[in-house]
Amino acid sequence: MRRFLWTVVGLALLVLAAVAGWGWWWVQQPMALSSPSLDLSIEPGTLPRGVAQAVHDAGVAVDPRLLYAWFRVSGRGRAIKAGSYELEAGITPLQLLDKLARGEESLRAVTLVEGWNLRQVRAALAREDALRHDTEGLADDALMARLGRPGVPAEGHFFPDTYTYAKGSSEMALLQRALRAMDRQLAAAWAQRVDTTAVKTPEQALILASIVEKETGLPADRPMVAAVFNNRLRLGMPLQTDPTVIYGLGSAYDGSLHKRDLQADTPFNTYTRAGLPPTPIAMPGKASLLAAVRPAQSKALYFVSRGDGSSQFSSSLDEHNRAVNKYQRGR
C-alpha cells in the first residue's frame, strides 16, 4: 500500500513538473497577432480576468483563460496598470505581463512649434488620430474657461514644445500641460528681467516676446530685436511690425501685405497705434521670453533683413534707409 501511495505521489509530481515545464515554455512563445501591431486599451479598475479577455479581443490569438491563469500564477496580475499599449508581433505572454505591470504605455508625441498661433496649434492637435478631440467646436474663450482661465486670451499662452501622450488622452489635458508650461517659463523669465525693460507686467512681456519670435530670423539676433522694440516702447514710437498686422488680418491675409492693410486701423495694426497689441500674436519660446525682458543694451530703433536670415540694426533713420537700400533694394 505504501509503495502504491509513493507511486501515486511520484506520478503526481511528474505531472506537476511536466505542467510547470510546459507552462514555462508556453509563456516564452510568441503569440499570433491579427496584424503586425495592435492597440490594447486597459480601462482603470479592470481585473486580471478582464485584462486577459481584452488582450484576446484586441486581436491576440490566445486563450484568455490560459492567459488569466498565467497572470494569477505569476503573482503580478494585480500589478497590471491601466493605459494604452501597443503590442507588436513576436510578443510573448511573459513580455506582455512585464509590459502591463511596468505600465509601458504606447506614447505618441506632438510638437507645438515656436511662432505658431493658436489656429495652427488647434489644427495640429486635430490631426492627431490618437488624441480624444474634446475641444472640437469650442470657441477660444470657451476653451480658456474650460481650462480655468476665463477672460484670459488664449493666444500665446501655450508653451511650444514636444508633448508625449498616451492614446486616448484628451486635447484638453494636453493643452492644460502646455498652459502650465508657459506659466512656468514666463514666471522664470520675468524673474530675470532688467530694470530698463519697457514692459511692466508678465502679460506685456508675453506679448512682446511673441513679436520678437515672429520678427527674428537668426536666433542670435533676438536680444537686439527685443532692444529695438523696447526702445520704441520707451519713446512712444509705433512698433511698426508687420507680423502684428498680418495677425490682425486673420484669414483675410493673402500672403502679401498691401498699403491698404498698413493703413487700416485695427487693434493689431502697430503702424497706426502706438504700444503693444492687445494680445500675443503667437507662441514665443524660452529664448524670446528671455529676450523680451533682458534686451540687448543698444540704442537701435530700426532693423532690416540682410536676406540671409540675419538683420542689420540702426539707431537713426538715415542709417536705416541706407541699410534698406543696400540689403533690400541692392543700391
C-alpha atoms as a PDB file:
ATOM      1  CA  MET A   1       0.000   0.000   0.000  1.00  0.00           C
ATOM      2  CA  ARG A   2       2.779   2.384   0.963  1.00  0.00           C
ATOM      3  CA  ARG A   3       4.565   1.637  -2.285  1.00  0.00           C
ATOM      4  CA  PHE A   4       1.367   2.394  -4.192  1.00  0.00           C
ATOM      5  CA  LEU A   5       0.994   5.774  -2.420  1.00  0.00           C
ATOM      6  CA  TRP A   6       4.567   6.698  -3.202  1.00  0.00           C
ATOM      7  CA  THR A   7       3.957   5.742  -6.811  1.00  0.00           C
ATOM      8  CA  VAL A   8       0.885   7.983  -6.969  1.00  0.00           C
ATOM      9  CA  VAL A   9       2.772  10.860  -5.333  1.00  0.00           C
ATOM     10  CA  GLY A  10       5.661  10.358  -7.712  1.00  0.00           C
ATOM     11  CA  LEU A  11       3.366  10.366 -10.721  1.00  0.00           C
ATOM     12  CA  ALA A  12       1.619  13.496  -9.447  1.00  0.00           C
ATOM     13  CA  LEU A  13       4.935  15.254  -9.033  1.00  0.00           C
ATOM     14  CA  LEU A  14       5.957  14.234 -12.528  1.00  0.00           C
ATOM     15  CA  VAL A  15       2.678  15.595 -13.903  1.00  0.00           C
ATOM     16  CA  LEU A  16       3.137  18.842 -11.999  1.00  0.00           C
ATOM     17  CA  ALA A  17       6.685  19.149 -13.230  1.00  0.00           C
ATOM     18  CA  ALA A  18       5.551  18.489 -16.782  1.00  0.00           C
ATOM     19  CA  VAL A  19       2.776  21.067 -16.482  1.00  0.00           C
ATOM     20  CA  ALA A  20       5.162  23.606 -14.940  1.00  0.00           C
ATOM     21  CA  GLY A  21       7.709  22.921 -17.653  1.00  0.00           C
ATOM     22  CA  TRP A  22       5.119  23.266 -20.372  1.00  0.00           C
ATOM     23  CA  GLY A  23       3.814  26.458 -18.736  1.00  0.00           C
ATOM     24  CA  TRP A  24       7.282  27.974 -18.602  1.00  0.00           C
ATOM     25  CA  TRP A  25       7.792  27.023 -22.242  1.00  0.00           C
ATOM     26  CA  TRP A  26       4.392  28.499 -23.191  1.00  0.00           C
ATOM     27  CA  VAL A  27       4.937  31.922 -21.583  1.00  0.00           C
ATOM     28  CA  GLN A  28       8.079  32.315 -23.716  1.00  0.00           C
ATOM     29  CA  GLN A  29       6.391  31.516 -27.034  1.00  0.00           C
ATOM     30  CA  PRO A  30       5.393  34.358 -29.394  1.00  0.00           C
ATOM     31  CA  MET A  31       1.652  34.864 -29.626  1.00  0.00           C
ATOM     32  CA  ALA A  32      -0.035  35.260 -33.003  1.00  0.00           C
ATOM     33  CA  LEU A  33      -1.425  38.745 -33.705  1.00  0.00           C
ATOM     34  CA  SER A  34      -4.115  39.589 -36.250  1.00  0.00           C
ATOM     35  CA  SER A  35      -1.881  42.394 -37.598  1.00  0.00           C
ATOM     36  CA  PRO A  36       1.794  43.411 -37.236  1.00  0.00           C
ATOM     37  CA  SER A  37       0.863  45.655 -34.314  1.00  0.00           C
ATOM     38  CA  LEU A  38      -2.226  46.012 -32.164  1.00  0.00           C
ATOM     39  CA  ASP A  39      -3.579  48.661 -29.826  1.00  0.00           C
ATOM     40  CA  LEU A  40      -4.627  47.435 -26.406  1.00  0.00           C
ATOM     41  CA  SER A  41      -6.612  49.645 -24.042  1.00  0.00           C
ATOM     42  CA  ILE A  42      -6.923  48.712 -20.364  1.00  0.00           C
ATOM     43  CA  GLU A  43      -9.515  50.771 -18.534  1.00  0.00           C
ATOM     44  CA  PRO A  44      -8.968  51.718 -14.869  1.00  0.00           C
ATOM     45  CA  GLY A  45     -10.379  49.132 -12.484  1.00  0.00           C
ATOM     46  CA  THR A  46     -10.150  46.238 -14.948  1.00  0.00           C
ATOM     47  CA  LEU A  47      -9.455  42.950 -13.124  1.00  0.00           C
ATOM     48  CA  PRO A  48      -6.865  40.439 -14.411  1.00  0.00           C
ATOM     49  CA  ARG A  49      -9.577  38.236 -15.945  1.00  0.00           C
ATOM     50  CA  GLY A  50     -10.906  41.242 -17.844  1.00  0.00           C
ATOM     51  CA  VAL A  51      -7.389  42.150 -18.964  1.00  0.00           C
ATOM     52  CA  ALA A  52      -6.883  38.660 -20.388  1.00  0.00           C
ATOM     53  CA  GLN A  53     -10.164  38.960 -22.282  1.00  0.00           C
ATOM     54  CA  ALA A  54      -9.220  42.440 -23.544  1.00  0.00           C
ATOM     55  CA  VAL A  55      -5.947  41.046 -24.921  1.00  0.00           C
ATOM     56  CA  HIS A  56      -7.861  38.385 -26.815  1.00  0.00           C
ATOM     57  CA  ASP A  57     -10.463  40.874 -28.063  1.00  0.00           C
ATOM     58  CA  ALA A  58      -7.714  43.194 -29.315  1.00  0.00           C
ATOM     59  CA  GLY A  59      -6.667  40.533 -31.815  1.00  0.00           C
ATOM     60  CA  VAL A  60      -4.189  38.305 -29.982  1.00  0.00           C
ATOM     61  CA  ALA A  61      -4.711  34.596 -30.710  1.00  0.00           C
ATOM     62  CA  VAL A  62      -4.529  33.403 -27.115  1.00  0.00           C
ATOM     63  CA  ASP A  63      -6.932  31.551 -24.840  1.00  0.00           C
ATOM     64  CA  PRO A  64      -7.976  34.223 -22.300  1.00  0.00           C
ATOM     65  CA  ARG A  65      -8.430  31.530 -19.632  1.00  0.00           C
ATOM     66  CA  LEU A  66      -4.848  30.388 -20.072  1.00  0.00           C
ATOM     67  CA  LEU A  67      -3.586  33.974 -20.055  1.00  0.00           C
ATOM     68  CA  TYR A  68      -5.569  34.737 -16.897  1.00  0.00           C
ATOM     69  CA  ALA A  69      -4.072  31.644 -15.265  1.00  0.00           C
ATOM     70  CA  TRP A  70      -0.603  32.967 -16.111  1.00  0.00           C
ATOM     71  CA  PHE A  71      -1.463  36.339 -14.565  1.00  0.00           C
ATOM     72  CA  ARG A  72      -2.548  34.616 -11.355  1.00  0.00           C
ATOM     73  CA  VAL A  73       0.318  32.132 -11.119  1.00  0.00           C
ATOM     74  CA  SER A  74       2.872  34.885 -11.709  1.00  0.00           C
ATOM     75  CA  GLY A  75       1.613  36.835  -8.690  1.00  0.00           C
ATOM     76  CA  ARG A  76       1.732  40.042 -10.776  1.00  0.00           C
ATOM     77  CA  GLY A  77      -1.836  40.126 -12.034  1.00  0.00           C
ATOM     78  CA  ARG A  78      -2.825  42.861  -9.586  1.00  0.00           C
ATOM     79  CA  ALA A  79       0.165  44.949 -10.679  1.00  0.00           C
ATOM     80  CA  ILE A  80      -1.225  45.412 -14.203  1.00  0.00           C
ATOM     81  CA  LYS A  81      -1.742  49.112 -14.901  1.00  0.00           C
ATOM     82  CA  ALA A  82      -4.475  50.777 -16.893  1.00  0.00           C
ATOM     83  CA  GLY A  83      -3.412  52.557 -20.053  1.00  0.00           C
ATOM     84  CA  SER A  84      -2.959  52.347 -23.805  1.00  0.00           C
ATOM     85  CA  TYR A  85      -0.427  49.829 -25.074  1.00  0.00           C
ATOM     86  CA  GLU A  86       0.964  48.826 -28.441  1.00  0.00           C
ATOM     87  CA  LEU A  87       1.534  45.099 -28.933  1.00  0.00           C
ATOM     88  CA  GLU A  88       3.953  44.096 -31.663  1.00  0.00           C
ATOM     89  CA  ALA A  89       4.447  40.822 -33.481  1.00  0.00           C
ATOM     90  CA  GLY A  90       6.623  38.387 -31.560  1.00  0.00           C
ATOM     91  CA  ILE A  91       5.431  39.394 -28.094  1.00  0.00           C
ATOM     92  CA  THR A  92       5.249  36.539 -25.600  1.00  0.00           C
ATOM     93  CA  PRO A  93       2.944  36.143 -22.573  1.00  0.00           C
ATOM     94  CA  LEU A  94       5.991  36.783 -20.383  1.00  0.00           C
ATOM     95  CA  GLN A  95       6.817  40.037 -22.194  1.00  0.00           C
ATOM     96  CA  LEU A  96       3.159  41.053 -22.253  1.00  0.00           C
ATOM     97  CA  LEU A  97       2.778  40.777 -18.493  1.00  0.00           C
ATOM     98  CA  ASP A  98       6.050  42.609 -17.966  1.00  0.00           C
ATOM     99  CA  LYS A  99       4.855  45.463 -20.220  1.00  0.00           C
ATOM    100  CA  LEU A 100       1.463  45.697 -18.480  1.00  0.00           C
ATOM    101  CA  ALA A 101       2.902  45.502 -14.973  1.00  0.00           C
ATOM    102  CA  ARG A 102       5.502  48.170 -15.718  1.00  0.00           C
ATOM    103  CA  GLY A 103       2.892  50.403 -17.318  1.00  0.00           C
ATOM    104  CA  GLU A 104       4.928  50.750 -20.509  1.00  0.00           C
ATOM    105  CA  GLU A 105       2.220  52.583 -22.386  1.00  0.00           C
ATOM    106  CA  SER A 106       2.379  53.322 -26.083  1.00  0.00           C
ATOM    107  CA  LEU A 107       3.173  57.017 -26.215  1.00  0.00           C
ATOM    108  CA  ARG A 108       2.660  59.371 -29.116  1.00  0.00           C
ATOM    109  CA  ALA A 109       4.210  62.814 -29.484  1.00  0.00           C
ATOM    110  CA  VAL A 110       3.043  66.103 -30.944  1.00  0.00           C
ATOM    111  CA  THR A 111       5.217  69.172 -31.418  1.00  0.00           C
ATOM    112  CA  LEU A 112       3.859  72.681 -30.935  1.00  0.00           C
ATOM    113  CA  VAL A 113       6.246  74.884 -32.908  1.00  0.00           C
ATOM    114  CA  GLU A 114       7.647  78.212 -31.726  1.00  0.00           C
ATOM    115  CA  GLY A 115       5.915  81.032 -33.570  1.00  0.00           C
ATOM    116  CA  TRP A 116       2.694  79.128 -34.230  1.00  0.00           C
ATOM    117  CA  ASN A 117      -0.575  80.866 -33.475  1.00  0.00           C
ATOM    118  CA  LEU A 118      -3.477  79.173 -31.741  1.00  0.00           C
ATOM    119  CA  ARG A 119      -5.226  78.338 -35.004  1.00  0.00           C
ATOM    120  CA  GLN A 120      -2.173  76.333 -36.072  1.00  0.00           C
ATOM    121  CA  VAL A 121      -1.961  74.636 -32.674  1.00  0.00           C
ATOM    122  CA  ARG A 122      -5.566  73.503 -32.759  1.00  0.00           C
ATOM    123  CA  ALA A 123      -5.201  72.282 -36.344  1.00  0.00           C
ATOM    124  CA  ALA A 124      -2.143  70.218 -35.365  1.00  0.00           C
ATOM    125  CA  LEU A 125      -3.997  68.626 -32.454  1.00  0.00           C
ATOM    126  CA  ALA A 126      -6.991  67.882 -34.662  1.00  0.00           C
ATOM    127  CA  ARG A 127      -4.686  65.883 -36.959  1.00  0.00           C
ATOM    128  CA  GLU A 128      -3.572  63.622 -34.109  1.00  0.00           C
ATOM    129  CA  ASP A 129      -5.700  60.498 -34.551  1.00  0.00           C
ATOM    130  CA  ALA A 130      -4.682  59.107 -31.168  1.00  0.00           C
ATOM    131  CA  LEU A 131      -5.971  62.140 -29.259  1.00  0.00           C
ATOM    132  CA  ARG A 132      -9.528  62.466 -27.969  1.00  0.00           C
ATOM    133  CA  HIS A 133     -10.814  65.656 -29.579  1.00  0.00           C
ATOM    134  CA  ASP A 134     -12.768  67.120 -26.676  1.00  0.00           C
ATOM    135  CA  THR A 135     -12.086  70.765 -27.653  1.00  0.00           C
ATOM    136  CA  GLU A 136     -13.685  70.460 -31.081  1.00  0.00           C
ATOM    137  CA  GLY A 137     -16.206  73.216 -31.666  1.00  0.00           C
ATOM    138  CA  LEU A 138     -15.149  75.233 -28.622  1.00  0.00           C
ATOM    139  CA  ALA A 139     -14.507  78.926 -29.204  1.00  0.00           C
ATOM    140  CA  ASP A 140     -11.174  80.187 -27.866  1.00  0.00           C
ATOM    141  CA  ASP A 141     -12.782  81.984 -24.908  1.00  0.00           C
ATOM    142  CA  ALA A 142     -14.797  78.886 -24.021  1.00  0.00           C
ATOM    143  CA  LEU A 143     -11.618  76.822 -24.245  1.00  0.00           C
ATOM    144  CA  MET A 144      -9.846  79.072 -21.758  1.00  0.00           C
ATOM    145  CA  ALA A 145     -12.839  78.949 -19.422  1.00  0.00           C
ATOM    146  CA  ARG A 146     -12.713  75.151 -19.503  1.00  0.00           C
ATOM    147  CA  LEU A 147      -9.000  75.373 -18.702  1.00  0.00           C
ATOM    148  CA  GLY A 148      -9.759  77.508 -15.654  1.00  0.00           C
ATOM    149  CA  ARG A 149      -8.643  80.820 -17.169  1.00  0.00           C
ATOM    150  CA  PRO A 150     -11.844  82.677 -18.024  1.00  0.00           C
ATOM    151  CA  GLY A 151     -11.193  86.070 -19.555  1.00  0.00           C
ATOM    152  CA  VAL A 152      -7.561  85.267 -20.403  1.00  0.00           C
ATOM    153  CA  PRO A 153      -6.779  85.439 -24.137  1.00  0.00           C
ATOM    154  CA  ALA A 154      -5.894  82.031 -25.493  1.00  0.00           C
ATOM    155  CA  GLU A 155      -3.325  83.264 -27.993  1.00  0.00           C
ATOM    156  CA  GLY A 156       0.277  82.859 -26.920  1.00  0.00           C
ATOM    157  CA  HIS A 157      -0.482  81.228 -23.578  1.00  0.00           C
ATOM    158  CA  PHE A 158       0.611  77.705 -24.563  1.00  0.00           C
ATOM    159  CA  PHE A 159       4.299  76.835 -24.473  1.00  0.00           C
ATOM    160  CA  PRO A 160       5.809  75.482 -27.703  1.00  0.00           C
ATOM    161  CA  ASP A 161       7.405  72.112 -27.031  1.00  0.00           C
ATOM    162  CA  THR A 162       7.113  68.402 -27.857  1.00  0.00           C
ATOM    163  CA  TYR A 163       4.473  66.711 -25.720  1.00  0.00           C
ATOM    164  CA  THR A 164       4.077  62.958 -25.347  1.00  0.00           C
ATOM    165  CA  TYR A 165       0.706  61.429 -24.624  1.00  0.00           C
ATOM    166  CA  ALA A 166      -0.968  58.054 -24.409  1.00  0.00           C
ATOM    167  CA  LYS A 167      -3.520  57.030 -26.994  1.00  0.00           C
ATOM    168  CA  GLY A 168      -6.938  58.216 -25.922  1.00  0.00           C
ATOM    169  CA  SER A 169      -5.626  61.205 -23.992  1.00  0.00           C
ATOM    170  CA  SER A 170      -7.634  64.382 -24.429  1.00  0.00           C
ATOM    171  CA  GLU A 171      -6.700  67.573 -26.231  1.00  0.00           C
ATOM    172  CA  MET A 172      -7.852  69.463 -23.157  1.00  0.00           C
ATOM    173  CA  ALA A 173      -5.370  67.631 -20.932  1.00  0.00           C
ATOM    174  CA  LEU A 174      -2.515  68.279 -23.361  1.00  0.00           C
ATOM    175  CA  LEU A 175      -3.383  71.973 -23.641  1.00  0.00           C
ATOM    176  CA  GLN A 176      -3.547  72.184 -19.855  1.00  0.00           C
ATOM    177  CA  ARG A 177       0.034  70.914 -19.715  1.00  0.00           C
ATOM    178  CA  ALA A 178       1.130  73.446 -22.360  1.00  0.00           C
ATOM    179  CA  LEU A 179      -0.657  76.237 -20.471  1.00  0.00           C
ATOM    180  CA  ARG A 180       1.089  75.388 -17.202  1.00  0.00           C
ATOM    181  CA  ALA A 181       4.412  75.074 -19.010  1.00  0.00           C
ATOM    182  CA  MET A 182       4.017  78.627 -20.332  1.00  0.00           C
ATOM    183  CA  ASP A 183       3.131  79.810 -16.814  1.00  0.00           C
ATOM    184  CA  ARG A 184       6.416  78.376 -15.552  1.00  0.00           C
ATOM    185  CA  GLN A 185       8.535  79.669 -18.424  1.00  0.00           C
ATOM    186  CA  LEU A 186       7.029  83.160 -18.270  1.00  0.00           C
ATOM    187  CA  ALA A 187       7.476  83.351 -14.497  1.00  0.00           C
ATOM    188  CA  ALA A 188      11.099  82.222 -14.817  1.00  0.00           C
ATOM    189  CA  ALA A 189      11.823  84.844 -17.480  1.00  0.00           C
ATOM    190  CA  TRP A 190      10.024  87.605 -15.552  1.00  0.00           C
ATOM    191  CA  ALA A 191      12.146  86.860 -12.504  1.00  0.00           C
ATOM    192  CA  GLN A 192      15.236  87.643 -14.620  1.00  0.00           C
ATOM    193  CA  ARG A 193      14.003  90.948 -16.083  1.00  0.00           C
ATOM    194  CA  VAL A 194      16.247  94.014 -16.079  1.00  0.00           C
ATOM    195  CA  ASP A 195      15.059  97.376 -14.769  1.00  0.00           C
ATOM    196  CA  THR A 196      15.446  99.001 -18.170  1.00  0.00           C
ATOM    197  CA  THR A 197      12.872  96.833 -19.896  1.00  0.00           C
ATOM    198  CA  ALA A 198       9.832  98.732 -21.142  1.00  0.00           C
ATOM    199  CA  VAL A 199       7.312  96.007 -20.298  1.00  0.00           C
ATOM    200  CA  LYS A 200       5.637  96.409 -16.926  1.00  0.00           C
ATOM    201  CA  THR A 201       3.775  93.122 -16.466  1.00  0.00           C
ATOM    202  CA  PRO A 202       4.345  89.463 -17.336  1.00  0.00           C
ATOM    203  CA  GLU A 203       1.458  89.672 -19.831  1.00  0.00           C
ATOM    204  CA  GLN A 204       3.164  92.559 -21.628  1.00  0.00           C
ATOM    205  CA  ALA A 205       6.372  90.540 -21.669  1.00  0.00           C
ATOM    206  CA  LEU A 206       4.487  87.646 -23.266  1.00  0.00           C
ATOM    207  CA  ILE A 207       3.047  89.929 -25.944  1.00  0.00           C
ATOM    208  CA  LEU A 208       6.441  91.456 -26.730  1.00  0.00           C
ATOM    209  CA  ALA A 209       8.087  88.021 -26.758  1.00  0.00           C
ATOM    210  CA  SER A 210       5.555  86.821 -29.334  1.00  0.00           C
ATOM    211  CA  ILE A 211       6.524  89.728 -31.607  1.00  0.00           C
ATOM    212  CA  VAL A 212      10.229  89.008 -31.102  1.00  0.00           C
ATOM    213  CA  GLU A 213       9.551  85.366 -32.001  1.00  0.00           C
ATOM    214  CA  LYS A 214       7.903  86.304 -35.291  1.00  0.00           C
ATOM    215  CA  GLU A 215      10.408  89.016 -36.220  1.00  0.00           C
ATOM    216  CA  THR A 216      13.632  87.102 -35.563  1.00  0.00           C
ATOM    217  CA  GLY A 217      15.281  85.239 -38.425  1.00  0.00           C
ATOM    218  CA  LEU A 218      18.585  84.425 -36.731  1.00  0.00           C
ATOM    219  CA  PRO A 219      18.350  83.190 -33.117  1.00  0.00           C
ATOM    220  CA  ALA A 220      21.386  85.254 -32.075  1.00  0.00           C
ATOM    221  CA  ASP A 221      19.507  88.422 -33.104  1.00  0.00           C
ATOM    222  CA  ARG A 222      16.702  88.015 -30.571  1.00  0.00           C
ATOM    223  CA  PRO A 223      18.167  90.333 -27.884  1.00  0.00           C
ATOM    224  CA  MET A 224      18.760  93.053 -30.486  1.00  0.00           C
ATOM    225  CA  VAL A 225      15.272  92.690 -31.985  1.00  0.00           C
ATOM    226  CA  ALA A 226      13.894  92.965 -28.444  1.00  0.00           C
ATOM    227  CA  ALA A 227      16.077  96.037 -27.862  1.00  0.00           C
ATOM    228  CA  VAL A 228      14.567  97.809 -30.873  1.00  0.00           C
ATOM    229  CA  PHE A 229      11.021  97.246 -29.657  1.00  0.00           C
ATOM    230  CA  ASN A 230      11.909  98.113 -26.045  1.00  0.00           C
ATOM    231  CA  ASN A 231      13.464 101.367 -27.221  1.00  0.00           C
ATOM    232  CA  ARG A 232      10.434 102.218 -29.325  1.00  0.00           C
ATOM    233  CA  LEU A 233       8.063 101.500 -26.448  1.00  0.00           C
ATOM    234  CA  ARG A 234      10.027 103.777 -24.123  1.00  0.00           C
ATOM    235  CA  LEU A 235      10.000 106.596 -26.680  1.00  0.00           C
ATOM    236  CA  GLY A 236       6.321 106.153 -27.540  1.00  0.00           C
ATOM    237  CA  MET A 237       7.145 105.272 -31.144  1.00  0.00           C
ATOM    238  CA  PRO A 238       4.852 102.881 -33.024  1.00  0.00           C
ATOM    239  CA  LEU A 239       6.360  99.408 -33.184  1.00  0.00           C
ATOM    240  CA  GLN A 240       5.591  99.203 -36.921  1.00  0.00           C
ATOM    241  CA  THR A 241       5.934  95.446 -37.107  1.00  0.00           C
ATOM    242  CA  ASP A 242       4.347  93.527 -39.974  1.00  0.00           C
ATOM    243  CA  PRO A 243       3.569  90.302 -38.066  1.00  0.00           C
ATOM    244  CA  THR A 244       1.042  92.088 -35.847  1.00  0.00           C
ATOM    245  CA  VAL A 245      -0.758  93.481 -38.897  1.00  0.00           C
ATOM    246  CA  ILE A 246      -0.773  90.037 -40.505  1.00  0.00           C
ATOM    247  CA  TYR A 247      -2.182  88.526 -37.327  1.00  0.00           C
ATOM    248  CA  GLY A 248      -4.933  91.141 -37.241  1.00  0.00           C
ATOM    249  CA  LEU A 249      -5.916  90.305 -40.815  1.00  0.00           C
ATOM    250  CA  GLY A 250      -6.510  86.671 -39.893  1.00  0.00           C
ATOM    251  CA  SER A 251      -7.911  84.621 -42.772  1.00  0.00           C
ATOM    252  CA  ALA A 252      -8.058  87.785 -44.927  1.00  0.00           C
ATOM    253  CA  TYR A 253      -4.264  87.749 -45.250  1.00  0.00           C
ATOM    254  CA  ASP A 254      -3.447  86.630 -48.801  1.00  0.00           C
ATOM    255  CA  GLY A 255       0.297  86.190 -48.385  1.00  0.00           C
ATOM    256  CA  SER A 256       1.196  89.803 -49.115  1.00  0.00           C
ATOM    257  CA  LEU A 257       0.827  92.990 -47.115  1.00  0.00           C
ATOM    258  CA  HIS A 258      -0.732  95.824 -49.069  1.00  0.00           C
ATOM    259  CA  LYS A 259      -0.685  99.563 -48.444  1.00  0.00           C
ATOM    260  CA  ARG A 260      -4.341  99.414 -47.500  1.00  0.00           C
ATOM    261  CA  ASP A 261      -3.527  96.799 -44.840  1.00  0.00           C
ATOM    262  CA  LEU A 262      -0.927  99.048 -43.229  1.00  0.00           C
ATOM    263  CA  GLN A 263      -3.327 101.983 -43.238  1.00  0.00           C
ATOM    264  CA  ALA A 264      -6.404 100.160 -41.922  1.00  0.00           C
ATOM    265  CA  ASP A 265      -6.648 100.937 -38.221  1.00  0.00           C
ATOM    266  CA  THR A 266      -7.161  97.814 -36.106  1.00  0.00           C
ATOM    267  CA  PRO A 267      -6.075  96.878 -32.549  1.00  0.00           C
ATOM    268  CA  PHE A 268      -3.233  94.860 -34.065  1.00  0.00           C
ATOM    269  CA  ASN A 269      -2.003  97.493 -36.521  1.00  0.00           C
ATOM    270  CA  THR A 270       1.201  98.731 -34.900  1.00  0.00           C
ATOM    271  CA  TYR A 271       1.669 101.245 -37.715  1.00  0.00           C
ATOM    272  CA  THR A 272      -1.462 103.185 -36.741  1.00  0.00           C
ATOM    273  CA  ARG A 273      -1.358 102.562 -32.994  1.00  0.00           C
ATOM    274  CA  ALA A 274       1.467 103.027 -30.515  1.00  0.00           C
ATOM    275  CA  GLY A 275       2.255 100.487 -27.846  1.00  0.00           C
ATOM    276  CA  LEU A 276       1.759  96.747 -27.736  1.00  0.00           C
ATOM    277  CA  PRO A 277      -1.164  94.950 -29.406  1.00  0.00           C
ATOM    278  CA  PRO A 278      -3.904  93.708 -27.061  1.00  0.00           C
ATOM    279  CA  THR A 279      -2.785  90.057 -27.031  1.00  0.00           C
ATOM    280  CA  PRO A 280       0.186  87.928 -28.089  1.00  0.00           C
ATOM    281  CA  ILE A 281       0.256  87.038 -31.765  1.00  0.00           C
ATOM    282  CA  ALA A 282       1.972  83.638 -31.462  1.00  0.00           C
ATOM    283  CA  MET A 283       3.632  81.232 -29.042  1.00  0.00           C
ATOM    284  CA  PRO A 284       7.078  82.508 -28.031  1.00  0.00           C
ATOM    285  CA  GLY A 285       9.799  80.096 -26.998  1.00  0.00           C
ATOM    286  CA  LYS A 286      12.057  80.372 -23.980  1.00  0.00           C
ATOM    287  CA  ALA A 287      14.712  82.432 -25.783  1.00  0.00           C
ATOM    288  CA  SER A 288      12.198  85.022 -26.957  1.00  0.00           C
ATOM    289  CA  LEU A 289      10.649  85.287 -23.487  1.00  0.00           C
ATOM    290  CA  LEU A 290      14.060  85.983 -22.019  1.00  0.00           C
ATOM    291  CA  ALA A 291      14.985  88.458 -24.768  1.00  0.00           C
ATOM    292  CA  ALA A 292      11.796  90.436 -24.152  1.00  0.00           C
ATOM    293  CA  VAL A 293      12.754  91.100 -20.523  1.00  0.00           C
ATOM    294  CA  ARG A 294      16.533  91.169 -20.997  1.00  0.00           C
ATOM    295  CA  PRO A 295      17.064  93.021 -24.287  1.00  0.00           C
ATOM    296  CA  ALA A 296      20.496  93.892 -25.548  1.00  0.00           C
ATOM    297  CA  GLN A 297      21.947  97.224 -24.427  1.00  0.00           C
ATOM    298  CA  SER A 298      21.562  99.190 -27.623  1.00  0.00           C
ATOM    299  CA  LYS A 299      20.106 102.441 -28.967  1.00  0.00           C
ATOM    300  CA  ALA A 300      18.898 100.735 -32.125  1.00  0.00           C
ATOM    301  CA  LEU A 301      15.434 101.775 -33.306  1.00  0.00           C
ATOM    302  CA  TYR A 302      15.328 100.049 -36.687  1.00  0.00           C
ATOM    303  CA  PHE A 303      16.308  96.783 -38.328  1.00  0.00           C
ATOM    304  CA  VAL A 304      16.088  95.271 -41.774  1.00  0.00           C
ATOM    305  CA  SER A 305      16.707  91.787 -43.090  1.00  0.00           C
ATOM    306  CA  ARG A 306      20.029  91.194 -44.788  1.00  0.00           C
ATOM    307  CA  GLY A 307      18.485  88.426 -46.850  1.00  0.00           C
ATOM    308  CA  ASP A 308      20.356  85.606 -45.111  1.00  0.00           C
ATOM    309  CA  GLY A 309      18.184  85.380 -42.008  1.00  0.00           C
ATOM    310  CA  SER A 310      20.169  87.944 -40.059  1.00  0.00           C
ATOM    311  CA  SER A 311      19.253  91.616 -39.553  1.00  0.00           C
ATOM    312  CA  GLN A 312      21.026  94.950 -39.832  1.00  0.00           C
ATOM    313  CA  PHE A 313      20.298  97.235 -36.876  1.00  0.00           C
ATOM    314  CA  SER A 314      20.383 101.038 -36.976  1.00  0.00           C
ATOM    315  CA  SER A 315      19.961 103.777 -34.384  1.00  0.00           C
ATOM    316  CA  SER A 316      18.908 106.526 -36.826  1.00  0.00           C
ATOM    317  CA  LEU A 317      16.520 106.760 -39.741  1.00  0.00           C
ATOM    318  CA  ASP A 318      19.324 107.792 -42.109  1.00  0.00           C
ATOM    319  CA  GLU A 319      21.326 104.678 -41.201  1.00  0.00           C
ATOM    320  CA  HIS A 320      18.232 102.555 -41.613  1.00  0.00           C
ATOM    321  CA  ASN A 321      17.438 103.976 -45.050  1.00  0.00           C
ATOM    322  CA  ARG A 322      20.980 103.247 -46.190  1.00  0.00           C
ATOM    323  CA  ALA A 323      20.631  99.678 -44.896  1.00  0.00           C
ATOM    324  CA  VAL A 324      17.323  99.274 -46.698  1.00  0.00           C
ATOM    325  CA  ASN A 325      18.881 100.490 -49.947  1.00  0.00           C
ATOM    326  CA  LYS A 326      21.806  98.100 -49.541  1.00  0.00           C
ATOM    327  CA  TYR A 327      20.023  94.940 -48.433  1.00  0.00           C
ATOM    328  CA  GLN A 328      16.526  95.335 -49.884  1.00  0.00           C
ATOM    329  CA  ARG A 329      16.969  97.432 -52.986  1.00  0.00           C
ATOM    330  CA  GLY A 330      20.514  96.460 -53.970  1.00  0.00           C
ATOM    331  CA  ARG A 331      21.720 100.039 -54.272  1.00  0.00           C
END
